[in-house]
Amino acid sequence: MEDLRVLCYEHHTAMLLDCRSKYVGTFLYACQEPGCFIRYYSSQGYFIEPQDQDGDRSEPEIKPSVHCPKDGRVMYLAEVRPDRKSFRLWKCPECSEIRTNGEFSSTAISSG
């Protein structure tokens, strides 16, 4: 799973694998845009990383939740297309099944 190309759903930029994962068996990806707290865990999907305020830790806020039709896992945003602003391609981290928003065939995946 380390080679996933996870995109931030807000900035559409590649998220980097973060080595600070507290959860065994999952991989944490983090948006690299300054001030962005969007993260993706392979086991639970996207969330906003809670910020410490006066020592108080809030619960993570879960964001887009597209599920794999084969195994039910939370999918990640794998591709957007600037020429089609509403296009989204989601991919399963476990079985590589894909879903789109219906604008394109799910068999046409660009590499990279």
Protein backbone atom coordinates (compact mmCIF):
# COMPACT_ATOMS: atom_id res chain seq x y z
CA MET A 1 0.00 0.00 0.00
CA GLU A 2 2.97 2.36 0.32
CA ASP A 3 2.91 3.15 -3.41
CA LEU A 4 -0.58 4.65 -3.49
CA ARG A 5 -0.93 8.01 -5.22
CA VAL A 6 -3.43 9.62 -2.87
CA LEU A 7 -4.70 13.09 -3.76
CA CYS A 8 -5.92 15.72 -1.31
CA TYR A 9 -9.64 16.15 -2.04
CA GLU A 10 -9.35 19.90 -1.41
CA HIS A 11 -6.14 20.82 -3.28
CA HIS A 12 -5.93 17.90 -5.75
CA THR A 13 -2.23 17.55 -5.02
CA ALA A 14 -0.38 14.34 -4.18
CA MET A 15 -0.33 13.52 -0.49
CA LEU A 16 2.86 12.15 1.03
CA LEU A 17 3.21 9.08 3.21
CA ASP A 18 3.65 10.24 6.80
CA CYS A 19 5.77 8.04 9.07
CA ARG A 20 4.04 9.22 12.25
CA SER A 21 1.12 6.79 11.97
CA LYS A 22 -0.08 5.70 15.43
CA TYR A 23 -2.21 2.88 14.06
CA VAL A 24 -0.58 -0.46 13.31
CA GLY A 25 -1.38 -1.86 9.87
CA THR A 26 -2.51 1.43 8.34
CA PHE A 27 -0.73 4.06 6.31
CA LEU A 28 -1.16 7.77 6.91
CA TYR A 29 -0.96 10.21 4.01
CA ALA A 30 -0.75 13.97 4.59
CA CYS A 31 -1.44 16.95 2.33
CA GLN A 32 1.69 19.03 1.82
CA GLU A 33 -0.09 22.35 1.25
CA PRO A 34 0.78 24.86 4.02
CA GLY A 35 -1.95 24.99 6.67
CA CYS A 36 -3.84 21.96 5.29
CA PHE A 37 -4.71 19.34 7.90
CA ILE A 38 -6.35 16.84 5.53
CA ARG A 39 -5.08 13.30 6.05
CA TYR A 40 -5.92 9.89 4.61
CA TYR A 41 -5.67 6.65 6.56
CA SER A 42 -5.82 3.53 4.43
CA SER A 43 -8.14 1.95 7.00
CA GLN A 44 -10.62 4.80 7.63
CA GLY A 45 -10.36 7.26 4.73
CA TYR A 46 -10.03 11.03 4.73
CA PHE A 47 -10.22 13.16 7.85
CA ILE A 48 -9.13 16.54 9.19
CA GLU A 49 -6.32 16.10 11.71
CA PRO A 50 -7.52 17.45 15.05
CA GLN A 51 -5.55 20.36 16.43
CA ASP A 52 -4.50 20.64 20.05
CA GLN A 53 -6.05 23.65 21.72
CA ASP A 54 -5.16 24.19 25.36
CA GLY A 55 -4.29 20.52 25.71
CA ASP A 56 -7.75 19.46 24.53
CA ARG A 57 -7.77 16.93 21.69
CA SER A 58 -10.90 16.79 19.54
CA GLU A 59 -12.01 13.76 17.54
CA PRO A 60 -11.01 13.49 13.85
CA GLU A 61 -13.61 14.79 11.43
CA ILE A 62 -14.19 12.23 8.68
CA LYS A 63 -14.55 13.66 5.17
CA PRO A 64 -15.42 12.14 1.72
CA SER A 65 -16.42 8.54 2.11
CA VAL A 66 -16.55 6.60 -1.17
CA HIS A 67 -16.66 2.86 -0.55
CA CYS A 68 -15.37 0.04 -2.73
CA PRO A 69 -18.23 -2.00 -4.24
CA LYS A 70 -16.14 -5.20 -3.91
CA ASP A 71 -14.75 -5.11 -0.37
CA GLY A 72 -16.36 -2.08 1.28
CA ARG A 73 -13.03 -0.33 2.01
CA VAL A 74 -12.88 3.47 1.93
CA MET A 75 -11.49 4.59 -1.43
CA TYR A 76 -9.04 7.42 -2.07
CA LEU A 77 -9.08 10.15 -4.71
CA ALA A 78 -6.63 8.97 -7.37
CA GLU A 79 -7.27 11.31 -10.29
CA VAL A 80 -8.87 14.60 -11.25
CA ARG A 81 -8.95 16.20 -14.68
CA PRO A 82 -8.53 19.95 -15.07
CA ASP A 83 -10.47 19.85 -18.36
CA ARG A 84 -13.45 18.27 -16.55
CA LYS A 85 -13.72 19.97 -13.17
CA SER A 86 -16.38 17.61 -11.83
CA PHE A 87 -14.50 14.40 -12.78
CA ARG A 88 -13.26 12.28 -9.86
CA LEU A 89 -11.63 8.85 -10.00
CA TRP A 90 -11.60 6.92 -6.72
CA LYS A 91 -9.48 3.82 -6.12
CA CYS A 92 -9.59 1.10 -3.48
CA PRO A 93 -6.36 0.77 -1.46
CA GLU A 94 -6.87 -2.98 -1.09
CA CYS A 95 -8.10 -4.39 -4.41
CA SER A 96 -7.48 -1.45 -6.79
CA GLU A 97 -11.16 -1.38 -7.86
CA ILE A 98 -12.08 2.03 -9.27
CA ARG A 99 -15.17 4.24 -9.28
CA THR A 100 -15.83 7.45 -11.13
CA ASN A 101 -18.59 10.00 -10.94
CA GLY A 102 -19.93 8.60 -14.22
CA GLU A 103 -18.35 10.98 -16.71
CA PHE A 104 -15.77 8.47 -17.95
CA SER A 105 -15.48 4.72 -18.21
CA SER A 106 -13.80 3.22 -15.16
CA THR A 107 -11.50 1.21 -17.44
CA ALA A 108 -9.50 4.27 -18.56
CA ILE A 109 -6.96 5.07 -15.86
CA SER A 110 -4.05 7.36 -16.53
CA SER A 111 -0.75 6.35 -15.03
CA GLY A 112 1.29 8.73 -12.94
